[in-house]
Amino acid sequence: LNLPIILIIIYINLKLLYNYLVKLETINKKRFIINIILRRELYENRKIIEI
């Protein structure tokens, strides 16, 4: 490889950051869905009056 070592390090760091953000987004979506399900169940069981 003729690429400078700095470019390789930058690429690896950006790739790791991208992977982290994708994983974080997936986790946030799952938390959001769980919150919606829990609120719906609470509402159906009349544990809460308003949402």
PDB file of N, CA and C in Angstrom:
ATOM      1  N   LEU A   1       0.837  -1.196   0.000  1.00  0.00           N
ATOM      2  CA  LEU A   1       0.000   0.000   0.000  1.00  0.00           C
ATOM      3  C   LEU A   1       0.872   1.245   0.000  1.00  0.00           C
ATOM      4  N   ASN A   2       0.481   2.171  -0.824  1.00  0.00           N
ATOM      5  CA  ASN A   2       1.217   3.425  -0.901  1.00  0.00           C
ATOM      6  C   ASN A   2       0.533   4.540  -0.125  1.00  0.00           C
ATOM      7  N   LEU A   3      -0.509   4.207   0.593  1.00  0.00           N
ATOM      8  CA  LEU A   3      -1.207   5.230   1.368  1.00  0.00           C
ATOM      9  C   LEU A   3      -0.398   5.598   2.603  1.00  0.00           C
ATOM     10  N   PRO A   4      -0.382   6.863   2.916  1.00  0.00           N
ATOM     11  CA  PRO A   4       0.289   7.263   4.157  1.00  0.00           C
ATOM     12  C   PRO A   4      -0.441   6.668   5.366  1.00  0.00           C
ATOM     13  N   ILE A   5       0.315   6.404   6.379  1.00  0.00           N
ATOM     14  CA  ILE A   5      -0.239   5.784   7.583  1.00  0.00           C
ATOM     15  C   ILE A   5      -1.324   6.657   8.220  1.00  0.00           C
ATOM     16  N   ILE A   6      -1.190   7.963   8.117  1.00  0.00           N
ATOM     17  CA  ILE A   6      -2.179   8.887   8.684  1.00  0.00           C
ATOM     18  C   ILE A   6      -3.543   8.673   8.040  1.00  0.00           C
ATOM     19  N   LEU A   7      -3.580   8.529   6.731  1.00  0.00           N
ATOM     20  CA  LEU A   7      -4.855   8.322   6.043  1.00  0.00           C
ATOM     21  C   LEU A   7      -5.503   7.008   6.460  1.00  0.00           C
ATOM     22  N   ILE A   8      -4.695   6.009   6.652  1.00  0.00           N
ATOM     23  CA  ILE A   8      -5.229   4.714   7.087  1.00  0.00           C
ATOM     24  C   ILE A   8      -5.828   4.833   8.483  1.00  0.00           C
ATOM     25  N   ILE A   9      -5.151   5.510   9.370  1.00  0.00           N
ATOM     26  CA  ILE A   9      -5.650   5.700  10.738  1.00  0.00           C
ATOM     27  C   ILE A   9      -6.938   6.509  10.725  1.00  0.00           C
ATOM     28  N   ILE A  10      -6.982   7.562   9.935  1.00  0.00           N
ATOM     29  CA  ILE A  10      -8.195   8.381   9.835  1.00  0.00           C
ATOM     30  C   ILE A  10      -9.354   7.546   9.310  1.00  0.00           C
ATOM     31  N   TYR A  11      -9.098   6.747   8.296  1.00  0.00           N
ATOM     32  CA  TYR A  11     -10.151   5.898   7.741  1.00  0.00           C
ATOM     33  C   TYR A  11     -10.668   4.925   8.795  1.00  0.00           C
ATOM     34  N   ILE A  12      -9.773   4.285   9.516  1.00  0.00           N
ATOM     35  CA  ILE A  12     -10.184   3.319  10.549  1.00  0.00           C
ATOM     36  C   ILE A  12     -11.002   4.015  11.626  1.00  0.00           C
ATOM     37  N   ASN A  13     -10.571   5.183  12.055  1.00  0.00           N
ATOM     38  CA  ASN A  13     -11.301   5.916  13.085  1.00  0.00           C
ATOM     39  C   ASN A  13     -12.685   6.331  12.600  1.00  0.00           C
ATOM     40  N   LEU A  14     -12.779   6.773  11.359  1.00  0.00           N
ATOM     41  CA  LEU A  14     -14.080   7.156  10.810  1.00  0.00           C
ATOM     42  C   LEU A  14     -14.995   5.948  10.681  1.00  0.00           C
ATOM     43  N   LYS A  15     -14.432   4.833  10.300  1.00  0.00           N
ATOM     44  CA  LYS A  15     -15.216   3.603  10.177  1.00  0.00           C
ATOM     45  C   LYS A  15     -15.725   3.161  11.549  1.00  0.00           C
ATOM     46  N   LEU A  16     -14.892   3.224  12.548  1.00  0.00           N
ATOM     47  CA  LEU A  16     -15.307   2.870  13.906  1.00  0.00           C
ATOM     48  C   LEU A  16     -16.388   3.818  14.413  1.00  0.00           C
ATOM     49  N   LEU A  17     -16.228   5.097  14.137  1.00  0.00           N
ATOM     50  CA  LEU A  17     -17.231   6.080  14.529  1.00  0.00           C
ATOM     51  C   LEU A  17     -18.555   5.805  13.832  1.00  0.00           C
ATOM     52  N   TYR A  18     -18.500   5.519  12.557  1.00  0.00           N
ATOM     53  CA  TYR A  18     -19.708   5.202  11.798  1.00  0.00           C
ATOM     54  C   TYR A  18     -20.405   3.969  12.383  1.00  0.00           C
ATOM     55  N   ASN A  19     -19.649   2.924  12.644  1.00  0.00           N
ATOM     56  CA  ASN A  19     -20.225   1.705  13.223  1.00  0.00           C
ATOM     57  C   ASN A  19     -20.866   1.986  14.576  1.00  0.00           C
ATOM     58  N   TYR A  20     -20.202   2.802  15.382  1.00  0.00           N
ATOM     59  CA  TYR A  20     -20.745   3.159  16.691  1.00  0.00           C
ATOM     60  C   TYR A  20     -22.065   3.910  16.544  1.00  0.00           C
ATOM     61  N   LEU A  21     -22.113   4.872  15.634  1.00  0.00           N
ATOM     62  CA  LEU A  21     -23.330   5.660  15.442  1.00  0.00           C
ATOM     63  C   LEU A  21     -24.476   4.805  14.918  1.00  0.00           C
ATOM     64  N   VAL A  22     -24.179   3.878  14.040  1.00  0.00           N
ATOM     65  CA  VAL A  22     -25.212   2.977  13.527  1.00  0.00           C
ATOM     66  C   VAL A  22     -25.758   2.122  14.663  1.00  0.00           C
ATOM     67  N   LYS A  23     -24.871   1.598  15.472  1.00  0.00           N
ATOM     68  CA  LYS A  23     -25.296   0.768  16.608  1.00  0.00           C
ATOM     69  C   LYS A  23     -26.111   1.597  17.595  1.00  0.00           C
ATOM     70  N   LEU A  24     -25.667   2.801  17.871  1.00  0.00           N
ATOM     71  CA  LEU A  24     -26.378   3.680  18.789  1.00  0.00           C
ATOM     72  C   LEU A  24     -27.774   3.992  18.271  1.00  0.00           C
ATOM     73  N   GLU A  25     -27.891   4.246  16.993  1.00  0.00           N
ATOM     74  CA  GLU A  25     -29.192   4.533  16.387  1.00  0.00           C
ATOM     75  C   GLU A  25     -30.121   3.331  16.525  1.00  0.00           C
ATOM     76  N   THR A  26     -29.602   2.143  16.319  1.00  0.00           N
ATOM     77  CA  THR A  26     -30.407   0.925  16.460  1.00  0.00           C
ATOM     78  C   THR A  26     -30.888   0.771  17.897  1.00  0.00           C
ATOM     79  N   ILE A  27     -30.005   1.024  18.844  1.00  0.00           N
ATOM     80  CA  ILE A  27     -30.368   0.925  20.257  1.00  0.00           C
ATOM     81  C   ILE A  27     -31.441   1.949  20.591  1.00  0.00           C
ATOM     82  N   ASN A  28     -31.302   3.169  20.096  1.00  0.00           N
ATOM     83  CA  ASN A  28     -32.295   4.208  20.369  1.00  0.00           C
ATOM     84  C   ASN A  28     -33.650   3.850  19.785  1.00  0.00           C
ATOM     85  N   LYS A  29     -33.670   3.277  18.600  1.00  0.00           N
ATOM     86  CA  LYS A  29     -34.935   2.859  17.993  1.00  0.00           C
ATOM     87  C   LYS A  29     -35.601   1.777  18.827  1.00  0.00           C
ATOM     88  N   LYS A  30     -34.816   0.825  19.300  1.00  0.00           N
ATOM     89  CA  LYS A  30     -35.368  -0.249  20.129  1.00  0.00           C
ATOM     90  C   LYS A  30     -35.937   0.308  21.428  1.00  0.00           C
ATOM     91  N   ARG A  31     -35.226   1.232  22.054  1.00  0.00           N
ATOM     92  CA  ARG A  31     -35.727   1.850  23.291  1.00  0.00           C
ATOM     93  C   ARG A  31     -37.033   2.588  23.032  1.00  0.00           C
ATOM     94  N   PHE A  32     -37.095   3.294  21.926  1.00  0.00           N
ATOM     95  CA  PHE A  32     -38.297   4.036  21.569  1.00  0.00           C
ATOM     96  C   PHE A  32     -39.485   3.090  21.389  1.00  0.00           C
ATOM     97  N   ILE A  33     -39.266   1.994  20.687  1.00  0.00           N
ATOM     98  CA  ILE A  33     -40.336   1.015  20.461  1.00  0.00           C
ATOM     99  C   ILE A  33     -40.786   0.409  21.786  1.00  0.00           C
ATOM    100  N   ILE A  34     -39.839   0.076  22.652  1.00  0.00           N
ATOM    101  CA  ILE A  34     -40.191  -0.486  23.963  1.00  0.00           C
ATOM    102  C   ILE A  34     -41.005   0.521  24.762  1.00  0.00           C
ATOM    103  N   ASN A  35     -40.626   1.782  24.729  1.00  0.00           N
ATOM    104  CA  ASN A  35     -41.382   2.817  25.447  1.00  0.00           C
ATOM    105  C   ASN A  35     -42.806   2.919  24.926  1.00  0.00           C
ATOM    106  N   ILE A  36     -42.971   2.865  23.633  1.00  0.00           N
ATOM    107  CA  ILE A  36     -44.314   2.939  23.047  1.00  0.00           C
ATOM    108  C   ILE A  36     -45.153   1.739  23.488  1.00  0.00           C
ATOM    109  N   ILE A  37     -44.569   0.557  23.444  1.00  0.00           N
ATOM    110  CA  ILE A  37     -45.298  -0.653  23.851  1.00  0.00           C
ATOM    111  C   ILE A  37     -45.697  -0.558  25.321  1.00  0.00           C
ATOM    112  N   LEU A  38     -44.782  -0.136  26.172  1.00  0.00           N
ATOM    113  CA  LEU A  38     -45.087  -0.026  27.599  1.00  0.00           C
ATOM    114  C   LEU A  38     -46.178   1.003  27.865  1.00  0.00           C
ATOM    115  N   ARG A  39     -46.121   2.134  27.199  1.00  0.00           N
ATOM    116  CA  ARG A  39     -47.150   3.163  27.385  1.00  0.00           C
ATOM    117  C   ARG A  39     -48.510   2.666  26.925  1.00  0.00           C
ATOM    118  N   ARG A  40     -48.533   1.958  25.827  1.00  0.00           N
ATOM    119  CA  ARG A  40     -49.793   1.416  25.334  1.00  0.00           C
ATOM    120  C   ARG A  40     -50.372   0.407  26.325  1.00  0.00           C
ATOM    121  N   GLU A  41     -49.526  -0.460  26.858  1.00  0.00           N
ATOM    122  CA  GLU A  41     -49.996  -1.447  27.834  1.00  0.00           C
ATOM    123  C   GLU A  41     -50.500  -0.768  29.099  1.00  0.00           C
ATOM    124  N   LEU A  42     -49.800   0.239  29.552  1.00  0.00           N
ATOM    125  CA  LEU A  42     -50.248   0.975  30.735  1.00  0.00           C
ATOM    126  C   LEU A  42     -51.592   1.645  30.475  1.00  0.00           C
ATOM    127  N   TYR A  43     -51.729   2.228  29.315  1.00  0.00           N
ATOM    128  CA  TYR A  43     -52.981   2.895  28.971  1.00  0.00           C
ATOM    129  C   TYR A  43     -54.118   1.887  28.872  1.00  0.00           C
ATOM    130  N   GLU A  44     -53.869   0.745  28.251  1.00  0.00           N
ATOM    131  CA  GLU A  44     -54.901  -0.280  28.112  1.00  0.00           C
ATOM    132  C   GLU A  44     -55.307  -0.846  29.469  1.00  0.00           C
ATOM    133  N   ASN A  45     -54.382  -0.901  30.392  1.00  0.00           N
ATOM    134  CA  ASN A  45     -54.674  -1.399  31.736  1.00  0.00           C
ATOM    135  C   ASN A  45     -55.152  -0.284  32.667  1.00  0.00           C
ATOM    136  N   ARG A  46     -55.348   0.895  32.107  1.00  0.00           N
ATOM    137  CA  ARG A  46     -55.835   2.064  32.841  1.00  0.00           C
ATOM    138  C   ARG A  46     -54.909   2.479  33.982  1.00  0.00           C
ATOM    139  N   LYS A  47     -53.636   2.229  33.802  1.00  0.00           N
ATOM    140  CA  LYS A  47     -52.670   2.663  34.806  1.00  0.00           C
ATOM    141  C   LYS A  47     -52.400   4.162  34.661  1.00  0.00           C
ATOM    142  N   ILE A  48     -52.546   4.647  33.434  1.00  0.00           N
ATOM    143  CA  ILE A  48     -52.416   6.084  33.206  1.00  0.00           C
ATOM    144  C   ILE A  48     -53.660   6.566  32.475  1.00  0.00           C
ATOM    145  N   ILE A  49     -54.047   7.792  32.723  1.00  0.00           N
ATOM    146  CA  ILE A  49     -55.261   8.348  32.120  1.00  0.00           C
ATOM    147  C   ILE A  49     -54.952   9.003  30.783  1.00  0.00           C
ATOM    148  N   GLU A  50     -53.866   9.778  30.741  1.00  0.00           N
ATOM    149  CA  GLU A  50     -53.506  10.498  29.524  1.00  0.00           C
ATOM    150  C   GLU A  50     -52.091  10.146  29.115  1.00  0.00           C
ATOM    151  N   ILE A  51     -51.855  10.309  27.834  1.00  0.00           N
ATOM    152  CA  ILE A  51     -50.498  10.097  27.321  1.00  0.00           C
ATOM    153  C   ILE A  51     -49.939  11.448  26.934  1.00  0.00           C
TER     154      ILE A  51
END
